[in-house]
């Protein structure tokens, strides 16, 4: 497969989307974990975003492997590509967390719909108590904080290695004369 767009390596273009969207999705997951009102509205867009981020990340990695085969070998490039796949478990964790949050949002929505019954009904059971809702929200928030921090730190490490591979030694400290 040819990983170019308009003559540019696709990796160079896609990596910017992954670098921006991964922490952004993490922040959305933190907000909807901690804030039930936001969860009611944003669980589906967050789930869709997480489901799209995984293939985007995987295509970015494949485009990077394609690009690595087309540039001269260098230790900095090898370091960058060796780190590239480190983001995959974090993106999977974001997707799993988004699925769990979506499931919890649906449980809450179902409970709100049956709110009129004091103990729930025989078919659906009782609504989660306020303490359970708080505890689940707290656990989801801590998980979202941890996964967002881990994924962002991993991206910083990968991106820093990639920036060094591209730019280290390739520019002058002083302006060049025309």
Protein backbone atom coordinates (compact mmCIF):
# COMPACT_ATOMS: atom_id res chain seq x y z
CA UNK A 1 0.00 0.00 0.00
CA UNK A 2 1.17 3.51 -0.80
CA UNK A 3 1.10 5.66 2.34
CA UNK A 4 1.33 9.08 0.68
CA UNK A 5 -1.07 11.98 0.23
CA UNK A 6 -0.29 14.72 -2.27
CA UNK A 7 3.33 13.58 -2.34
CA UNK A 8 3.74 13.70 1.45
CA UNK A 9 4.19 10.68 3.71
CA UNK A 10 0.83 9.88 5.31
CA UNK A 11 2.51 9.26 8.69
CA UNK A 12 3.56 12.90 8.89
CA UNK A 13 -0.05 13.99 8.47
CA UNK A 14 -1.78 11.36 10.61
CA UNK A 15 0.57 11.68 13.55
CA UNK A 16 -0.75 15.19 14.22
CA UNK A 17 -4.30 13.87 14.47
CA UNK A 18 -3.26 11.14 16.92
CA UNK A 19 -1.23 13.59 19.02
CA UNK A 20 -4.19 15.96 19.30
CA UNK A 21 -7.10 13.52 19.48
CA UNK A 22 -5.69 11.10 22.07
CA UNK A 23 -5.35 13.62 24.94
CA UNK A 24 -8.55 15.35 23.82
CA UNK A 25 -10.47 12.08 24.05
CA UNK A 26 -8.88 11.48 27.44
CA UNK A 27 -10.08 14.88 28.67
CA UNK A 28 -13.59 14.17 27.40
CA UNK A 29 -13.58 10.82 29.22
CA UNK A 30 -12.45 12.54 32.43
CA UNK A 31 -15.27 15.08 32.15
CA UNK A 32 -17.98 12.53 31.40
CA UNK A 33 -16.73 10.22 34.14
CA UNK A 34 -16.90 12.94 36.75
CA UNK A 35 -19.98 14.82 35.54
CA UNK A 36 -23.21 12.82 35.09
CA UNK A 37 -24.89 15.63 33.13
CA UNK A 38 -22.10 15.61 30.54
CA UNK A 39 -22.15 11.82 30.47
CA UNK A 40 -25.83 11.85 29.48
CA UNK A 41 -25.00 13.96 26.42
CA UNK A 42 -21.45 13.02 25.44
CA UNK A 43 -21.15 9.28 26.04
CA UNK A 44 -22.01 8.42 22.43
CA UNK A 45 -19.65 10.96 20.76
CA UNK A 46 -16.88 9.81 23.14
CA UNK A 47 -17.52 6.18 22.28
CA UNK A 48 -17.50 6.92 18.55
CA UNK A 49 -14.31 8.98 18.94
CA UNK A 50 -12.58 6.15 20.82
CA UNK A 51 -13.73 3.62 18.22
CA UNK A 52 -12.26 5.79 15.45
CA UNK A 53 -9.04 6.61 17.31
CA UNK A 54 -7.92 2.97 17.46
CA UNK A 55 -7.83 2.37 13.68
CA UNK A 56 -6.40 5.86 13.17
CA UNK A 57 -3.55 5.02 15.55
CA UNK A 58 -2.94 1.67 13.88
CA UNK A 59 -2.86 3.21 10.38
CA UNK A 60 -0.48 5.89 11.66
CA UNK A 61 1.87 3.18 12.96
CA UNK A 62 1.72 1.26 9.67
CA UNK A 63 2.37 4.46 7.73
CA UNK A 64 5.36 5.08 10.01
CA UNK A 65 6.75 1.61 9.28
CA UNK A 66 6.28 2.29 5.57
CA UNK A 67 8.13 5.60 5.92
CA UNK A 68 10.97 4.04 7.94
CA UNK A 69 11.74 1.76 4.99
CA UNK A 70 12.11 4.82 2.75
CA UNK A 71 14.52 6.97 4.75
CA UNK A 72 18.19 6.35 5.47
CA UNK A 73 18.69 4.23 8.60
CA UNK A 74 19.54 6.25 11.70
CA UNK A 75 19.53 5.46 15.43
CA UNK A 76 17.06 8.26 16.18
CA UNK A 77 14.58 6.94 13.63
CA UNK A 78 14.95 3.42 14.96
CA UNK A 79 14.33 4.70 18.51
CA UNK A 80 11.20 6.53 17.37
CA UNK A 81 9.77 3.56 15.49
CA UNK A 82 10.59 1.20 18.35
CA UNK A 83 8.48 3.41 20.64
CA UNK A 84 5.64 3.93 18.16
CA UNK A 85 3.64 0.85 19.08
CA UNK A 86 3.76 1.75 22.79
CA UNK A 87 0.67 3.88 22.25
CA UNK A 88 -1.53 0.94 21.17
CA UNK A 89 -2.32 -0.40 24.68
CA UNK A 90 -3.23 3.11 25.79
CA UNK A 91 -5.56 3.67 22.84
CA UNK A 92 -7.17 0.29 23.55
CA UNK A 93 -7.54 1.32 27.20
CA UNK A 94 -9.26 4.56 26.11
CA UNK A 95 -11.67 2.52 23.98
CA UNK A 96 -12.40 0.05 26.80
CA UNK A 97 -13.00 2.93 29.20
CA UNK A 98 -15.32 4.62 26.69
CA UNK A 99 -17.29 1.36 26.39
CA UNK A 100 -17.57 1.05 30.19
CA UNK A 101 -18.65 4.69 30.51
CA UNK A 102 -21.23 4.18 27.73
CA UNK A 103 -22.59 1.10 29.48
CA UNK A 104 -22.84 3.01 32.76
CA UNK A 105 -24.57 5.91 30.98
CA UNK A 106 -27.15 3.46 29.62
CA UNK A 107 -27.67 1.96 33.09
CA UNK A 108 -28.22 5.47 34.47
CA UNK A 109 -30.60 6.34 31.63
CA UNK A 110 -32.60 3.21 32.27
CA UNK A 111 -32.76 4.03 35.99
CA UNK A 112 -33.96 7.57 35.23
CA UNK A 113 -36.73 6.20 33.01
CA UNK A 114 -38.02 3.99 35.81
CA UNK A 115 -37.51 6.61 38.51
CA UNK A 116 -41.22 6.62 39.31
CA UNK A 117 -41.06 3.11 40.81
CA UNK A 118 -39.67 3.26 44.35
CA UNK A 119 -37.83 -0.07 44.21
CA UNK A 120 -37.66 -0.49 40.45
CA UNK A 121 -39.71 -3.16 38.81
CA UNK A 122 -39.40 -6.91 38.84
CA UNK A 123 -38.05 -7.05 35.31
CA UNK A 124 -35.33 -4.39 35.57
CA UNK A 125 -34.49 -4.43 39.27
CA UNK A 126 -33.87 -1.45 41.54
CA UNK A 127 -32.14 1.72 40.42
CA UNK A 128 -28.55 2.17 41.60
CA UNK A 129 -28.40 4.10 44.87
CA UNK A 130 -26.81 7.52 45.10
CA UNK A 131 -23.78 5.99 46.85
CA UNK A 132 -23.28 3.45 44.06
CA UNK A 133 -23.61 6.15 41.41
CA UNK A 134 -21.02 8.26 43.24
CA UNK A 135 -18.64 5.31 43.70
CA UNK A 136 -18.87 4.24 40.04
CA UNK A 137 -18.33 7.84 38.93
CA UNK A 138 -15.28 8.13 41.18
CA UNK A 139 -13.77 4.87 39.91
CA UNK A 140 -14.39 5.87 36.30
CA UNK A 141 -12.85 9.30 36.92
CA UNK A 142 -9.71 7.84 38.50
CA UNK A 143 -9.40 5.38 35.60
CA UNK A 144 -9.86 8.19 33.08
CA UNK A 145 -7.22 10.31 34.83
CA UNK A 146 -4.73 7.44 34.89
CA UNK A 147 -5.31 6.39 31.27
CA UNK A 148 -5.21 9.98 30.01
CA UNK A 149 -1.97 10.67 31.89
CA UNK A 150 -0.38 7.43 30.66
CA UNK A 151 -1.42 7.89 27.06
CA UNK A 152 -0.33 11.52 27.00
CA UNK A 153 3.06 10.73 28.57
CA UNK A 154 3.60 7.91 26.07
CA UNK A 155 2.70 10.23 23.17
CA UNK A 156 5.14 12.86 24.44
CA UNK A 157 7.92 10.27 24.54
CA UNK A 158 7.15 8.96 21.04
CA UNK A 159 6.72 12.45 19.56
CA UNK A 160 9.91 13.73 21.17
CA UNK A 161 11.87 10.85 19.63
CA UNK A 162 10.24 11.53 16.26
CA UNK A 163 11.01 15.25 16.44
CA UNK A 164 14.64 14.50 17.26
CA UNK A 165 14.82 12.04 14.36
CA UNK A 166 13.59 14.68 11.93
CA UNK A 167 15.13 17.87 13.26
CA UNK A 168 18.26 17.10 15.28
CA UNK A 169 21.27 18.37 13.34
CA UNK A 170 19.18 19.55 10.41
CA UNK A 171 18.99 23.27 11.13
CA UNK A 172 21.36 26.08 12.02
CA UNK A 173 21.39 27.94 15.32
CA UNK A 174 21.95 31.13 13.33
CA UNK A 175 19.83 32.49 10.46
CA UNK A 176 21.15 31.46 7.06
CA UNK A 177 22.25 34.15 4.64
CA UNK A 178 20.23 34.55 1.46
